[in-house]
Amino acid sequence: MKALLIFAALVATAGPAFAQTDQRPSDGLLAVKPISSRAPTTDTDMIRSKIERLGYTDVVDLTRDSTGVWHARAKKGTEMVDVTVDKGGRIKPEPK
């Protein structure tokens, strides 16, 4: 009889615990929706930020070629220079 009461108590407390694990996404206007990890500007923004952290400003014409190397024009001091970012993330001015 004692085992039956313990079993009934466990079943009674386990039911609400399992019911709370299923969370439905909110469809409200203020619901937080995750940003896709495949956002098209993510790579461009990361490369632009990396170039700017090295002291370049006004980064423009940022493109990626077929080999995966990034090319851009940026200002270093007062001079506009061509910049490349290779696949390893190394940033260097392009030879003129």
C-alpha atoms as a PDB file:
ATOM      1  CA  MET A   1       0.000   0.000   0.000  1.00  0.00           C
ATOM      2  CA  LYS A   2       2.845   2.371   0.866  1.00  0.00           C
ATOM      3  CA  ALA A   3       4.518   1.705  -2.526  1.00  0.00           C
ATOM      4  CA  LEU A   4       1.242   2.465  -4.303  1.00  0.00           C
ATOM      5  CA  LEU A   5       0.982   5.855  -2.555  1.00  0.00           C
ATOM      6  CA  ILE A   6       4.591   6.709  -3.411  1.00  0.00           C
ATOM      7  CA  PHE A   7       4.003   5.748  -7.044  1.00  0.00           C
ATOM      8  CA  ALA A   8       0.822   7.869  -7.178  1.00  0.00           C
ATOM      9  CA  ALA A   9       2.696  10.843  -5.694  1.00  0.00           C
ATOM     10  CA  LEU A  10       5.496  10.509  -8.268  1.00  0.00           C
ATOM     11  CA  VAL A  11       3.029  10.322 -11.146  1.00  0.00           C
ATOM     12  CA  ALA A  12       1.124  13.353  -9.844  1.00  0.00           C
ATOM     13  CA  THR A  13       4.264  15.496  -9.610  1.00  0.00           C
ATOM     14  CA  ALA A  14       5.852  14.270 -12.848  1.00  0.00           C
ATOM     15  CA  GLY A  15       2.857  15.208 -15.014  1.00  0.00           C
ATOM     16  CA  PRO A  16       3.152  18.994 -14.590  1.00  0.00           C
ATOM     17  CA  ALA A  17       6.933  18.825 -14.989  1.00  0.00           C
ATOM     18  CA  PHE A  18       6.629  17.174 -18.393  1.00  0.00           C
ATOM     19  CA  ALA A  19       3.904  19.588 -19.447  1.00  0.00           C
ATOM     20  CA  GLN A  20       6.214  22.570 -18.935  1.00  0.00           C
ATOM     21  CA  THR A  21       8.981  21.321 -21.216  1.00  0.00           C
ATOM     22  CA  ASP A  22       7.028  21.927 -24.438  1.00  0.00           C
ATOM     23  CA  GLN A  23       7.404  25.617 -25.313  1.00  0.00           C
ATOM     24  CA  ARG A  24       5.571  27.077 -28.255  1.00  0.00           C
ATOM     25  CA  PRO A  25       7.079  30.014 -30.142  1.00  0.00           C
ATOM     26  CA  SER A  26       5.275  33.278 -29.647  1.00  0.00           C
ATOM     27  CA  ASP A  27       3.608  34.814 -32.682  1.00  0.00           C
ATOM     28  CA  GLY A  28       3.269  38.225 -31.067  1.00  0.00           C
ATOM     29  CA  LEU A  29       4.579  41.437 -32.590  1.00  0.00           C
ATOM     30  CA  LEU A  30       7.282  41.719 -29.933  1.00  0.00           C
ATOM     31  CA  ALA A  31       8.380  38.086 -30.163  1.00  0.00           C
ATOM     32  CA  VAL A  32      12.101  37.560 -30.519  1.00  0.00           C
ATOM     33  CA  LYS A  33      12.899  35.784 -33.749  1.00  0.00           C
ATOM     34  CA  PRO A  34      16.409  34.369 -34.259  1.00  0.00           C
ATOM     35  CA  ILE A  35      18.529  35.754 -37.070  1.00  0.00           C
ATOM     36  CA  SER A  36      19.469  33.201 -39.679  1.00  0.00           C
ATOM     37  CA  SER A  37      23.103  32.132 -39.473  1.00  0.00           C
ATOM     38  CA  ARG A  38      23.201  32.388 -43.267  1.00  0.00           C
ATOM     39  CA  ALA A  39      22.528  36.115 -43.434  1.00  0.00           C
ATOM     40  CA  PRO A  40      24.069  37.323 -46.709  1.00  0.00           C
ATOM     41  CA  THR A  41      25.917  40.289 -45.227  1.00  0.00           C
ATOM     42  CA  THR A  42      27.605  38.458 -42.367  1.00  0.00           C
ATOM     43  CA  ASP A  43      30.838  37.643 -44.218  1.00  0.00           C
ATOM     44  CA  THR A  44      31.033  41.109 -45.730  1.00  0.00           C
ATOM     45  CA  ASP A  45      30.466  42.776 -42.360  1.00  0.00           C
ATOM     46  CA  MET A  46      33.116  40.617 -40.686  1.00  0.00           C
ATOM     47  CA  ILE A  47      35.723  41.384 -43.353  1.00  0.00           C
ATOM     48  CA  ARG A  48      34.890  45.103 -43.319  1.00  0.00           C
ATOM     49  CA  SER A  49      35.228  45.152 -39.520  1.00  0.00           C
ATOM     50  CA  LYS A  50      38.541  43.308 -39.694  1.00  0.00           C
ATOM     51  CA  ILE A  51      39.914  45.841 -42.182  1.00  0.00           C
ATOM     52  CA  GLU A  52      38.733  48.751 -40.028  1.00  0.00           C
ATOM     53  CA  ARG A  53      40.379  47.270 -36.907  1.00  0.00           C
ATOM     54  CA  LEU A  54      43.737  47.602 -38.670  1.00  0.00           C
ATOM     55  CA  GLY A  55      43.296  51.352 -38.982  1.00  0.00           C
ATOM     56  CA  TYR A  56      41.657  51.608 -42.390  1.00  0.00           C
ATOM     57  CA  THR A  57      38.578  53.793 -42.804  1.00  0.00           C
ATOM     58  CA  ASP A  58      35.951  54.383 -45.497  1.00  0.00           C
ATOM     59  CA  VAL A  59      36.049  50.776 -46.767  1.00  0.00           C
ATOM     60  CA  VAL A  60      34.276  50.620 -50.149  1.00  0.00           C
ATOM     61  CA  ASP A  61      33.937  48.259 -53.130  1.00  0.00           C
ATOM     62  CA  LEU A  62      34.292  45.171 -50.938  1.00  0.00           C
ATOM     63  CA  THR A  63      34.042  42.105 -53.183  1.00  0.00           C
ATOM     64  CA  ARG A  64      35.142  38.485 -53.105  1.00  0.00           C
ATOM     65  CA  ASP A  65      36.714  36.815 -56.121  1.00  0.00           C
ATOM     66  CA  SER A  66      36.300  33.213 -57.266  1.00  0.00           C
ATOM     67  CA  THR A  67      39.329  32.059 -55.247  1.00  0.00           C
ATOM     68  CA  GLY A  68      37.907  33.418 -51.965  1.00  0.00           C
ATOM     69  CA  VAL A  69      40.165  36.472 -51.707  1.00  0.00           C
ATOM     70  CA  TRP A  70      38.477  39.723 -50.673  1.00  0.00           C
ATOM     71  CA  HIS A  71      39.326  43.014 -52.422  1.00  0.00           C
ATOM     72  CA  ALA A  72      38.416  46.512 -51.248  1.00  0.00           C
ATOM     73  CA  ARG A  73      39.394  50.145 -51.405  1.00  0.00           C
ATOM     74  CA  ALA A  74      39.991  51.859 -48.094  1.00  0.00           C
ATOM     75  CA  LYS A  75      41.520  54.992 -46.689  1.00  0.00           C
ATOM     76  CA  LYS A  76      44.737  54.749 -44.678  1.00  0.00           C
ATOM     77  CA  GLY A  77      45.397  58.187 -43.250  1.00  0.00           C
ATOM     78  CA  THR A  78      44.491  60.505 -46.105  1.00  0.00           C
ATOM     79  CA  GLU A  79      45.389  58.157 -48.980  1.00  0.00           C
ATOM     80  CA  MET A  80      42.995  55.679 -50.659  1.00  0.00           C
ATOM     81  CA  VAL A  81      44.618  52.261 -51.129  1.00  0.00           C
ATOM     82  CA  ASP A  82      43.595  48.895 -52.542  1.00  0.00           C
ATOM     83  CA  VAL A  83      43.455  46.186 -49.860  1.00  0.00           C
ATOM     84  CA  THR A  84      43.257  42.389 -50.064  1.00  0.00           C
ATOM     85  CA  VAL A  85      42.206  39.895 -47.414  1.00  0.00           C
ATOM     86  CA  ASP A  86      43.398  36.385 -48.205  1.00  0.00           C
ATOM     87  CA  LYS A  87      41.731  33.139 -47.117  1.00  0.00           C
ATOM     88  CA  GLY A  88      43.867  33.099 -43.974  1.00  0.00           C
ATOM     89  CA  GLY A  89      42.510  36.508 -42.936  1.00  0.00           C
ATOM     90  CA  ARG A  90      45.757  38.356 -43.593  1.00  0.00           C
ATOM     91  CA  ILE A  91      45.168  41.940 -44.698  1.00  0.00           C
ATOM     92  CA  LYS A  92      47.665  43.694 -46.921  1.00  0.00           C
ATOM     93  CA  PRO A  93      47.742  46.573 -49.372  1.00  0.00           C
ATOM     94  CA  GLU A  94      47.726  45.463 -52.992  1.00  0.00           C
ATOM     95  CA  PRO A  95      50.787  46.305 -55.047  1.00  0.00           C
ATOM     96  CA  LYS A  96      50.228  49.205 -57.438  1.00  0.00           C
END
